[in-house]
């Protein structure tokens, strides 16, 4: 009788050990992260294995080093422009910080309103992107590289003249130092070549809802399909 009890107790201990081991494996599997090898959706990760919804390739399991820190809702990464503390005046003379744009996909370009060469083409490119995306959750940001001339009043006139006077379009005037800081983040180079004119890079940038740069394209009048595709991917 005692032997039977001992045997029963031993079997119970073995079962508990197997169960605990199984639970440990499950926890490890649940904590794994997977990512598309082509990064079709940028740094987006998935909790379960499978295939990328864009390119259909098998997702790759990330090591703990690759996965990086898990961000809580509302938290932004170290690469986010929302860490910049600069203050800006909009075309409506409102004072905002970049962090107030959190939660929206941002399409950003740097221009100046008196430009007669490259900027009109950049403005046209932005309008074409807006027309192709057709989603009100996207914000189009026009940052002036000539803050001394481009006052909020002048930016307002420019917005109206170019049919960009609605909530999706935001024109920003900052201090000379803040504009220079932001241009460095975007890798946009500019310099004053005459009292009225600037030489500058022609770059359109796309940021995700947490302010992380996801795509850039340089050039004037180029095919904007890649920008449009990236914006639509981010809002999907």
Protein backbone atom coordinates (compact mmCIF):
# COMPACT_ATOMS: atom_id res chain seq x y z
CA UNK A 1 0.00 0.00 0.00
CA UNK A 2 2.85 2.35 0.91
CA UNK A 3 4.62 1.53 -2.35
CA UNK A 4 1.51 2.43 -4.34
CA UNK A 5 1.26 5.79 -2.54
CA UNK A 6 4.93 6.52 -3.23
CA UNK A 7 4.48 5.63 -6.89
CA UNK A 8 1.42 7.89 -7.14
CA UNK A 9 3.33 10.78 -5.53
CA UNK A 10 6.27 10.29 -7.91
CA UNK A 11 4.00 10.38 -10.95
CA UNK A 12 2.40 13.62 -9.68
CA UNK A 13 5.81 15.27 -9.26
CA UNK A 14 6.87 14.21 -12.77
CA UNK A 15 3.64 15.60 -14.28
CA UNK A 16 4.08 18.90 -12.48
CA UNK A 17 7.64 19.15 -13.78
CA UNK A 18 6.53 18.51 -17.37
CA UNK A 19 3.71 21.05 -17.03
CA UNK A 20 6.06 23.71 -15.63
CA UNK A 21 8.56 23.09 -18.42
CA UNK A 22 5.81 23.43 -21.01
CA UNK A 23 4.68 26.72 -19.49
CA UNK A 24 8.22 28.06 -19.65
CA UNK A 25 8.48 27.21 -23.36
CA UNK A 26 5.18 28.89 -24.03
CA UNK A 27 6.24 32.09 -22.26
CA UNK A 28 9.45 32.23 -24.30
CA UNK A 29 7.55 31.72 -27.55
CA UNK A 30 5.02 34.37 -26.65
CA UNK A 31 7.78 36.90 -25.89
CA UNK A 32 9.49 36.41 -29.28
CA UNK A 33 9.21 39.10 -31.92
CA UNK A 34 9.23 38.68 -35.69
CA UNK A 35 9.97 41.12 -38.51
CA UNK A 36 9.84 41.20 -42.29
CA UNK A 37 13.38 40.68 -43.71
CA UNK A 38 12.63 43.40 -46.27
CA UNK A 39 11.25 45.77 -43.59
CA UNK A 40 8.25 46.56 -45.77
CA UNK A 41 6.63 48.28 -42.78
CA UNK A 42 9.80 49.83 -41.42
CA UNK A 43 10.66 48.60 -37.93
CA UNK A 44 7.21 47.07 -37.32
CA UNK A 45 7.35 43.79 -35.41
CA UNK A 46 4.85 40.95 -34.98
CA UNK A 47 4.13 38.79 -31.94
CA UNK A 48 3.61 35.55 -33.88
CA UNK A 49 5.44 33.94 -36.82
CA UNK A 50 3.91 34.13 -40.27
CA UNK A 51 4.39 36.06 -43.49
CA UNK A 52 4.69 39.77 -44.25
CA UNK A 53 1.28 41.21 -45.29
CA UNK A 54 3.03 43.29 -47.96
CA UNK A 55 5.72 41.15 -49.66
CA UNK A 56 4.47 37.76 -48.31
CA UNK A 57 7.99 36.69 -47.26
CA UNK A 58 8.36 34.64 -44.05
CA UNK A 59 8.87 36.80 -40.98
CA UNK A 60 12.25 36.41 -39.27
CA UNK A 61 12.60 35.91 -35.53
CA UNK A 62 14.50 38.78 -33.91
CA UNK A 63 17.12 38.31 -31.26
CA UNK A 64 16.71 40.33 -28.08
CA UNK A 65 19.43 42.69 -29.34
CA UNK A 66 17.67 43.25 -32.70
CA UNK A 67 14.25 43.79 -31.21
CA UNK A 68 15.24 46.84 -29.17
CA UNK A 69 13.16 48.25 -26.32
CA UNK A 70 9.41 47.74 -26.37
CA UNK A 71 7.71 51.14 -26.34
CA UNK A 72 4.57 51.73 -24.34
CA UNK A 73 1.63 53.54 -25.89
CA UNK A 74 2.51 57.20 -26.29
CA UNK A 75 6.23 56.57 -25.74
CA UNK A 76 8.62 57.58 -28.54
CA UNK A 77 12.02 56.22 -29.52
CA UNK A 78 15.29 58.08 -29.21
CA UNK A 79 15.19 58.70 -32.97
CA UNK A 80 11.93 60.63 -32.84
CA UNK A 81 11.74 64.31 -33.80
CA UNK A 82 9.26 64.69 -30.96
CA UNK A 83 12.22 64.95 -28.58
CA UNK A 84 13.09 68.32 -30.11
CA UNK A 85 12.01 71.09 -27.75
CA UNK A 86 11.83 73.86 -30.37
CA UNK A 87 8.70 76.00 -30.64
CA UNK A 88 7.16 77.02 -33.94
CA UNK A 89 4.59 79.51 -35.22
CA UNK A 90 2.05 78.18 -37.69
CA UNK A 91 0.44 80.10 -40.54
CA UNK A 92 -2.42 80.76 -38.09
CA UNK A 93 0.06 82.28 -35.62
CA UNK A 94 -0.39 79.41 -33.17
CA UNK A 95 2.65 78.32 -31.15
CA UNK A 96 3.25 74.56 -31.25
CA UNK A 97 5.94 72.00 -30.56
CA UNK A 98 6.60 69.08 -32.89
CA UNK A 99 5.34 66.64 -30.25
CA UNK A 100 1.84 68.06 -30.73
CA UNK A 101 1.89 66.36 -34.14
CA UNK A 102 2.27 62.93 -32.54
CA UNK A 103 -0.19 60.34 -33.82
CA UNK A 104 -0.17 61.57 -37.42
CA UNK A 105 1.91 60.51 -40.42
CA UNK A 106 3.96 63.55 -41.44
CA UNK A 107 5.14 64.48 -44.93
CA UNK A 108 7.73 67.24 -44.51
CA UNK A 109 9.56 69.61 -46.85
CA UNK A 110 11.65 72.75 -46.29
CA UNK A 111 10.97 75.74 -48.56
CA UNK A 112 10.81 79.54 -48.54
CA UNK A 113 7.91 81.52 -49.96
CA UNK A 114 9.87 83.99 -52.10
CA UNK A 115 11.64 81.18 -53.98
CA UNK A 116 11.07 81.32 -57.73
CA UNK A 117 13.04 78.23 -58.73
CA UNK A 118 12.91 74.90 -56.84
CA UNK A 119 10.25 75.62 -54.21
CA UNK A 120 7.27 75.95 -56.58
CA UNK A 121 8.13 72.49 -57.88
CA UNK A 122 8.39 71.10 -54.33
CA UNK A 123 5.02 72.64 -53.51
CA UNK A 124 3.54 70.98 -56.59
CA UNK A 125 5.07 67.65 -55.56
CA UNK A 126 3.51 67.94 -52.11
CA UNK A 127 0.11 68.72 -53.62
CA UNK A 128 0.42 65.69 -55.93
CA UNK A 129 1.27 63.45 -52.97
CA UNK A 130 -1.71 64.83 -51.06
CA UNK A 131 -4.02 64.16 -54.00
CA UNK A 132 -2.71 60.60 -54.41
CA UNK A 133 -2.94 59.67 -50.71
CA UNK A 134 -6.39 61.18 -50.02
CA UNK A 135 -6.41 60.50 -46.29
CA UNK A 136 -7.21 63.14 -43.68
CA UNK A 137 -5.01 61.49 -41.03
CA UNK A 138 -1.85 62.64 -42.85
CA UNK A 139 -0.31 66.04 -42.06
CA UNK A 140 1.72 67.94 -44.67
CA UNK A 141 4.39 70.16 -43.09
CA UNK A 142 6.07 73.06 -44.88
CA UNK A 143 9.01 74.44 -42.87
CA UNK A 144 10.42 77.82 -43.90
CA UNK A 145 14.20 78.15 -44.19
CA UNK A 146 13.74 81.95 -44.25
CA UNK A 147 12.05 82.65 -40.90
CA UNK A 148 12.94 86.34 -40.95
CA UNK A 149 10.86 86.91 -44.10
CA UNK A 150 8.29 84.14 -43.75
CA UNK A 151 6.19 85.51 -40.91
CA UNK A 152 2.97 83.69 -39.95
CA UNK A 153 1.04 86.31 -41.94
CA UNK A 154 3.11 85.69 -45.04
CA UNK A 155 2.82 81.93 -44.64
CA UNK A 156 -0.96 82.33 -44.35
CA UNK A 157 -1.09 84.28 -47.61
CA UNK A 158 1.08 81.64 -49.29
CA UNK A 159 -1.15 78.82 -48.01
CA UNK A 160 -4.28 80.52 -49.34
CA UNK A 161 -2.68 81.31 -52.71
CA UNK A 162 -1.66 77.66 -53.13
CA UNK A 163 -4.97 76.18 -51.91
CA UNK A 164 -3.31 74.71 -48.83
CA UNK A 165 -5.36 76.55 -46.23
CA UNK A 166 -6.93 73.58 -44.43
CA UNK A 167 -6.04 71.52 -41.32
CA UNK A 168 -3.97 68.99 -43.28
CA UNK A 169 -1.43 71.66 -44.22
CA UNK A 170 0.81 73.20 -41.57
CA UNK A 171 3.36 75.90 -42.34
CA UNK A 172 6.03 76.46 -39.70
CA UNK A 173 8.19 79.46 -38.85
CA UNK A 174 10.88 78.93 -36.21
CA UNK A 175 13.93 80.70 -34.93
CA UNK A 176 17.06 80.67 -37.10
CA UNK A 177 18.70 78.18 -34.72
CA UNK A 178 15.67 75.88 -34.55
CA UNK A 179 15.33 75.83 -38.33
CA UNK A 180 19.02 74.94 -38.64
CA UNK A 181 18.65 72.17 -36.05
CA UNK A 182 15.65 70.71 -37.85
CA UNK A 183 17.40 70.89 -41.24
CA UNK A 184 20.28 68.87 -39.77
CA UNK A 185 17.81 66.19 -38.66
CA UNK A 186 16.46 65.99 -42.21
CA UNK A 187 19.94 66.24 -43.80
CA UNK A 188 18.69 69.29 -45.70
CA UNK A 189 21.48 71.71 -46.62
CA UNK A 190 20.78 75.38 -47.30
CA UNK A 191 22.60 78.70 -47.40
CA UNK A 192 21.78 82.26 -48.32
CA UNK A 193 23.34 83.21 -51.67
CA UNK A 194 21.77 86.67 -52.14
CA UNK A 195 19.68 88.91 -49.88
CA UNK A 196 16.57 87.25 -51.35
CA UNK A 197 17.62 83.77 -52.42
CA UNK A 198 18.74 80.51 -50.84
CA UNK A 199 20.46 77.47 -52.24
CA UNK A 200 18.94 74.35 -50.65
CA UNK A 201 18.39 70.60 -50.88
CA UNK A 202 15.14 69.36 -52.39
CA UNK A 203 14.14 66.56 -50.04
CA UNK A 204 10.69 65.30 -49.05
CA UNK A 205 10.65 63.28 -45.82
CA UNK A 206 8.06 60.91 -44.35
CA UNK A 207 7.75 60.38 -40.58
CA UNK A 208 5.60 57.79 -38.83
CA UNK A 209 3.07 58.50 -36.09
CA UNK A 210 5.82 58.47 -33.45
CA UNK A 211 8.04 60.93 -35.27
CA UNK A 212 10.60 58.47 -36.64
CA UNK A 213 11.92 59.07 -40.15
CA UNK A 214 10.75 56.28 -42.46
CA UNK A 215 11.50 57.49 -45.99
CA UNK A 216 13.17 60.31 -47.93
CA UNK A 217 13.25 61.22 -51.60
CA UNK A 218 15.38 63.90 -53.22
CA UNK A 219 14.72 65.66 -56.50
CA UNK A 220 12.24 67.88 -58.26
CA UNK A 221 9.29 66.64 -60.26
CA UNK A 222 10.32 63.01 -59.70
CA UNK A 223 7.93 60.08 -59.54
CA UNK A 224 6.37 60.21 -56.07
CA UNK A 225 4.96 56.67 -56.12
CA UNK A 226 7.38 55.46 -53.44
CA UNK A 227 6.45 58.28 -51.09
CA UNK A 228 2.74 57.67 -51.65
CA UNK A 229 3.20 53.94 -51.08
CA UNK A 230 5.11 54.52 -47.83
CA UNK A 231 2.48 56.97 -46.52
CA UNK A 232 -0.34 54.56 -47.33
CA UNK A 233 1.58 51.74 -45.67
CA UNK A 234 2.00 53.76 -42.47
CA UNK A 235 -1.68 54.65 -42.24
CA UNK A 236 -2.94 51.16 -43.05
